[in-house]
């Protein structure tokens, strides 16, 4: 499952390099809804202006928390959590690589002429949605019913 994070990192590096080097041309993909462009994000999410060193420290803290979450999910055999957190980890590492190597995160995919992201951002978003969904589904109690559909004493239902 950690291979998913590695695949995210490699795919992100390839797509960013493709746009940076001109292998992937800029312009509209789906009319004005989706366009390929270039943007240097020196801030945190949504260009929130913070000093670069602080962003790197926050990123390392987040990576530490993710690593512990992955360890814990693996120990408890929560495979879906491992997959989701691997996507987040791969995306976070890819963006941290940009920040350390270039001093900014390279974004290249613009939606609705307002929001510019990259494939690492997309993996982080998908991973977080999957993780939240897994926890929501795991938290729902399934009622215990007898063969007639009536709740049993152990079901917690009245």
C-alpha atoms as a PDB file:
ATOM      1  CA  UNK A   1       0.000   0.000   0.000  1.00  0.00           C
ATOM      2  CA  UNK A   2       2.892   2.373   0.594  1.00  0.00           C
ATOM      3  CA  UNK A   3       3.579   1.897  -3.115  1.00  0.00           C
ATOM      4  CA  UNK A   4       0.557   4.116  -3.727  1.00  0.00           C
ATOM      5  CA  UNK A   5       2.393   6.991  -2.057  1.00  0.00           C
ATOM      6  CA  UNK A   6       5.486   6.301  -4.128  1.00  0.00           C
ATOM      7  CA  UNK A   7       3.387   6.219  -7.297  1.00  0.00           C
ATOM      8  CA  UNK A   8       1.857   9.587  -6.353  1.00  0.00           C
ATOM      9  CA  UNK A   9       5.327  11.063  -5.821  1.00  0.00           C
ATOM     10  CA  UNK A  10       6.654   9.762  -9.156  1.00  0.00           C
ATOM     11  CA  UNK A  11       3.526  10.778 -11.095  1.00  0.00           C
ATOM     12  CA  UNK A  12       3.659  14.263  -9.572  1.00  0.00           C
ATOM     13  CA  UNK A  13       7.341  14.681 -10.460  1.00  0.00           C
ATOM     14  CA  UNK A  14       6.681  13.518 -14.031  1.00  0.00           C
ATOM     15  CA  UNK A  15       3.703  15.806 -14.599  1.00  0.00           C
ATOM     16  CA  UNK A  16       5.423  18.839 -13.080  1.00  0.00           C
ATOM     17  CA  UNK A  17       8.553  18.185 -15.133  1.00  0.00           C
ATOM     18  CA  UNK A  18       6.443  17.711 -18.250  1.00  0.00           C
ATOM     19  CA  UNK A  19       4.818  21.109 -17.826  1.00  0.00           C
ATOM     20  CA  UNK A  20       8.041  22.846 -16.742  1.00  0.00           C
ATOM     21  CA  UNK A  21       9.971  21.501 -19.736  1.00  0.00           C
ATOM     22  CA  UNK A  22       7.170  22.097 -22.216  1.00  0.00           C
ATOM     23  CA  UNK A  23       6.445  18.431 -22.900  1.00  0.00           C
ATOM     24  CA  UNK A  24       2.898  19.029 -21.722  1.00  0.00           C
ATOM     25  CA  UNK A  25       1.588  22.098 -23.517  1.00  0.00           C
ATOM     26  CA  UNK A  26      -0.207  24.907 -21.766  1.00  0.00           C
ATOM     27  CA  UNK A  27      -3.749  25.898 -22.620  1.00  0.00           C
ATOM     28  CA  UNK A  28      -7.351  24.772 -22.204  1.00  0.00           C
ATOM     29  CA  UNK A  29      -8.119  21.117 -21.558  1.00  0.00           C
ATOM     30  CA  UNK A  30     -11.890  21.384 -21.051  1.00  0.00           C
ATOM     31  CA  UNK A  31     -12.897  24.789 -22.419  1.00  0.00           C
ATOM     32  CA  UNK A  32     -12.268  27.379 -19.703  1.00  0.00           C
ATOM     33  CA  UNK A  33     -13.137  24.942 -16.901  1.00  0.00           C
ATOM     34  CA  UNK A  34      -9.768  23.180 -16.822  1.00  0.00           C
ATOM     35  CA  UNK A  35      -6.539  24.641 -18.154  1.00  0.00           C
ATOM     36  CA  UNK A  36      -2.868  23.769 -17.993  1.00  0.00           C
ATOM     37  CA  UNK A  37      -0.809  26.734 -16.831  1.00  0.00           C
ATOM     38  CA  UNK A  38       2.105  27.448 -14.508  1.00  0.00           C
ATOM     39  CA  UNK A  39       2.128  28.962 -11.052  1.00  0.00           C
ATOM     40  CA  UNK A  40       4.727  29.222  -8.312  1.00  0.00           C
ATOM     41  CA  UNK A  41       3.110  28.844  -4.904  1.00  0.00           C
ATOM     42  CA  UNK A  42       5.443  30.392  -2.354  1.00  0.00           C
ATOM     43  CA  UNK A  43       2.891  30.222   0.459  1.00  0.00           C
ATOM     44  CA  UNK A  44       1.006  27.514   2.224  1.00  0.00           C
ATOM     45  CA  UNK A  45      -2.390  26.323   0.977  1.00  0.00           C
ATOM     46  CA  UNK A  46      -4.075  28.898  -1.279  1.00  0.00           C
ATOM     47  CA  UNK A  47      -0.877  31.012  -1.251  1.00  0.00           C
ATOM     48  CA  UNK A  48      -1.223  31.788   2.460  1.00  0.00           C
ATOM     49  CA  UNK A  49       1.933  33.849   3.015  1.00  0.00           C
ATOM     50  CA  UNK A  50       4.233  32.276   5.583  1.00  0.00           C
ATOM     51  CA  UNK A  51       8.041  32.211   5.747  1.00  0.00           C
ATOM     52  CA  UNK A  52       9.528  29.260   3.861  1.00  0.00           C
ATOM     53  CA  UNK A  53      11.285  27.820   6.906  1.00  0.00           C
ATOM     54  CA  UNK A  54       7.973  27.790   8.843  1.00  0.00           C
ATOM     55  CA  UNK A  55       6.207  25.995   5.989  1.00  0.00           C
ATOM     56  CA  UNK A  56       8.945  23.343   5.959  1.00  0.00           C
ATOM     57  CA  UNK A  57       8.703  22.891   9.749  1.00  0.00           C
ATOM     58  CA  UNK A  58       4.895  22.542   9.537  1.00  0.00           C
ATOM     59  CA  UNK A  59       5.293  20.089   6.645  1.00  0.00           C
ATOM     60  CA  UNK A  60       7.727  17.946   8.634  1.00  0.00           C
ATOM     61  CA  UNK A  61       5.361  17.977  11.605  1.00  0.00           C
ATOM     62  CA  UNK A  62       2.467  16.889   9.367  1.00  0.00           C
ATOM     63  CA  UNK A  63       4.637  14.150   7.827  1.00  0.00           C
ATOM     64  CA  UNK A  64       5.513  12.873  11.307  1.00  0.00           C
ATOM     65  CA  UNK A  65       1.831  12.663  12.218  1.00  0.00           C
ATOM     66  CA  UNK A  66       1.090  10.905   8.917  1.00  0.00           C
ATOM     67  CA  UNK A  67       3.895   8.417   9.502  1.00  0.00           C
ATOM     68  CA  UNK A  68       2.499   7.559  12.924  1.00  0.00           C
ATOM     69  CA  UNK A  69      -1.015   7.229  11.452  1.00  0.00           C
ATOM     70  CA  UNK A  70       0.311   4.856   8.799  1.00  0.00           C
ATOM     71  CA  UNK A  71       2.160   2.815  11.409  1.00  0.00           C
ATOM     72  CA  UNK A  72      -0.928   2.572  13.602  1.00  0.00           C
ATOM     73  CA  UNK A  73      -3.257   1.725  10.699  1.00  0.00           C
ATOM     74  CA  UNK A  74      -0.850  -0.971   9.498  1.00  0.00           C
ATOM     75  CA  UNK A  75      -0.527  -2.424  12.991  1.00  0.00           C
ATOM     76  CA  UNK A  76      -4.322  -2.689  13.223  1.00  0.00           C
ATOM     77  CA  UNK A  77      -4.625  -4.046   9.647  1.00  0.00           C
ATOM     78  CA  UNK A  78      -6.793  -1.142   8.499  1.00  0.00           C
ATOM     79  CA  UNK A  79      -5.818  -1.504   4.854  1.00  0.00           C
ATOM     80  CA  UNK A  80      -8.150   1.215   3.564  1.00  0.00           C
ATOM     81  CA  UNK A  81      -6.631   3.694   6.031  1.00  0.00           C
ATOM     82  CA  UNK A  82      -3.141   2.700   4.920  1.00  0.00           C
ATOM     83  CA  UNK A  83      -4.069   3.328   1.279  1.00  0.00           C
ATOM     84  CA  UNK A  84      -5.692   6.694   2.043  1.00  0.00           C
ATOM     85  CA  UNK A  85      -2.813   7.892   4.222  1.00  0.00           C
ATOM     86  CA  UNK A  86      -0.284   6.678   1.638  1.00  0.00           C
ATOM     87  CA  UNK A  87      -1.905   8.951  -0.954  1.00  0.00           C
ATOM     88  CA  UNK A  88      -1.684  11.891   1.462  1.00  0.00           C
ATOM     89  CA  UNK A  89       1.926  11.052   2.334  1.00  0.00           C
ATOM     90  CA  UNK A  90       2.990  10.764  -1.318  1.00  0.00           C
ATOM     91  CA  UNK A  91       1.396  14.103  -2.150  1.00  0.00           C
ATOM     92  CA  UNK A  92       2.870  15.811   0.898  1.00  0.00           C
ATOM     93  CA  UNK A  93       6.363  14.489   0.127  1.00  0.00           C
ATOM     94  CA  UNK A  94       6.088  15.602  -3.505  1.00  0.00           C
ATOM     95  CA  UNK A  95       5.125  19.140  -2.492  1.00  0.00           C
ATOM     96  CA  UNK A  96       7.835  19.214   0.190  1.00  0.00           C
ATOM     97  CA  UNK A  97      10.365  18.155  -2.453  1.00  0.00           C
ATOM     98  CA  UNK A  98       9.325  21.164  -4.579  1.00  0.00           C
ATOM     99  CA  UNK A  99       9.565  23.495  -1.624  1.00  0.00           C
ATOM    100  CA  UNK A 100      13.078  22.323  -0.693  1.00  0.00           C
ATOM    101  CA  UNK A 101      14.398  22.042  -4.284  1.00  0.00           C
ATOM    102  CA  UNK A 102      12.862  25.210  -5.757  1.00  0.00           C
ATOM    103  CA  UNK A 103      11.686  27.324  -2.819  1.00  0.00           C
ATOM    104  CA  UNK A 104       8.054  27.038  -3.961  1.00  0.00           C
ATOM    105  CA  UNK A 105       5.484  24.428  -4.980  1.00  0.00           C
ATOM    106  CA  UNK A 106       4.898  24.227  -8.715  1.00  0.00           C
ATOM    107  CA  UNK A 107       1.171  24.186  -9.553  1.00  0.00           C
ATOM    108  CA  UNK A 108      -0.017  23.644 -13.097  1.00  0.00           C
ATOM    109  CA  UNK A 109      -3.691  22.655 -13.317  1.00  0.00           C
ATOM    110  CA  UNK A 110      -6.207  25.511 -13.112  1.00  0.00           C
ATOM    111  CA  UNK A 111      -9.908  24.928 -12.415  1.00  0.00           C
ATOM    112  CA  UNK A 112     -12.590  27.502 -13.266  1.00  0.00           C
ATOM    113  CA  UNK A 113      -9.935  30.189 -13.775  1.00  0.00           C
ATOM    114  CA  UNK A 114      -9.458  30.525 -10.015  1.00  0.00           C
ATOM    115  CA  UNK A 115      -7.770  27.570  -8.315  1.00  0.00           C
ATOM    116  CA  UNK A 116      -4.397  26.216  -9.469  1.00  0.00           C
ATOM    117  CA  UNK A 117      -3.243  22.857  -8.100  1.00  0.00           C
ATOM    118  CA  UNK A 118      -1.012  19.924  -8.997  1.00  0.00           C
ATOM    119  CA  UNK A 119      -1.374  16.145  -8.945  1.00  0.00           C
ATOM    120  CA  UNK A 120       0.098  15.956  -5.418  1.00  0.00           C
ATOM    121  CA  UNK A 121      -2.665  18.268  -4.184  1.00  0.00           C
ATOM    122  CA  UNK A 122      -5.250  16.039  -5.858  1.00  0.00           C
ATOM    123  CA  UNK A 123      -3.794  12.921  -4.185  1.00  0.00           C
ATOM    124  CA  UNK A 124      -3.853  14.662  -0.796  1.00  0.00           C
ATOM    125  CA  UNK A 125      -7.506  15.638  -1.274  1.00  0.00           C
ATOM    126  CA  UNK A 126      -8.547  12.159  -2.439  1.00  0.00           C
ATOM    127  CA  UNK A 127      -6.623  10.516   0.411  1.00  0.00           C
ATOM    128  CA  UNK A 128      -8.248  12.750   3.023  1.00  0.00           C
ATOM    129  CA  UNK A 129     -11.725  12.105   1.608  1.00  0.00           C
ATOM    130  CA  UNK A 130     -11.112   8.335   1.591  1.00  0.00           C
ATOM    131  CA  UNK A 131      -9.737   8.449   5.133  1.00  0.00           C
ATOM    132  CA  UNK A 132     -12.697  10.467   6.435  1.00  0.00           C
ATOM    133  CA  UNK A 133     -15.117   8.158   4.602  1.00  0.00           C
ATOM    134  CA  UNK A 134     -13.501   5.061   6.076  1.00  0.00           C
ATOM    135  CA  UNK A 135     -13.760   6.492   9.584  1.00  0.00           C
ATOM    136  CA  UNK A 136     -17.371   7.521   9.037  1.00  0.00           C
ATOM    137  CA  UNK A 137     -18.320   4.047   7.817  1.00  0.00           C
ATOM    138  CA  UNK A 138     -16.339   2.312  10.550  1.00  0.00           C
ATOM    139  CA  UNK A 139     -17.986   4.489  13.206  1.00  0.00           C
ATOM    140  CA  UNK A 140     -21.518   3.578  12.184  1.00  0.00           C
ATOM    141  CA  UNK A 141     -22.861   0.794  14.354  1.00  0.00           C
ATOM    142  CA  UNK A 142     -24.681  -1.965  12.601  1.00  0.00           C
ATOM    143  CA  UNK A 143     -27.727  -2.945  14.615  1.00  0.00           C
ATOM    144  CA  UNK A 144     -27.822  -6.514  15.832  1.00  0.00           C
ATOM    145  CA  UNK A 145     -31.201  -8.021  15.056  1.00  0.00           C
ATOM    146  CA  UNK A 146     -32.749 -11.418  15.532  1.00  0.00           C
ATOM    147  CA  UNK A 147     -34.113 -13.549  12.716  1.00  0.00           C
ATOM    148  CA  UNK A 148     -37.368 -11.522  12.763  1.00  0.00           C
ATOM    149  CA  UNK A 149     -35.616  -8.170  12.402  1.00  0.00           C
ATOM    150  CA  UNK A 150     -36.206  -7.115  16.016  1.00  0.00           C
ATOM    151  CA  UNK A 151     -33.280  -5.471  17.854  1.00  0.00           C
ATOM    152  CA  UNK A 152     -31.515  -7.671  20.390  1.00  0.00           C
ATOM    153  CA  UNK A 153     -30.298  -6.566  23.825  1.00  0.00           C
ATOM    154  CA  UNK A 154     -26.752  -6.099  22.467  1.00  0.00           C
ATOM    155  CA  UNK A 155     -27.766  -3.838  19.578  1.00  0.00           C
ATOM    156  CA  UNK A 156     -28.045  -0.617  21.571  1.00  0.00           C
ATOM    157  CA  UNK A 157     -31.436   0.009  19.959  1.00  0.00           C
ATOM    158  CA  UNK A 158     -34.710   0.241  21.854  1.00  0.00           C
END
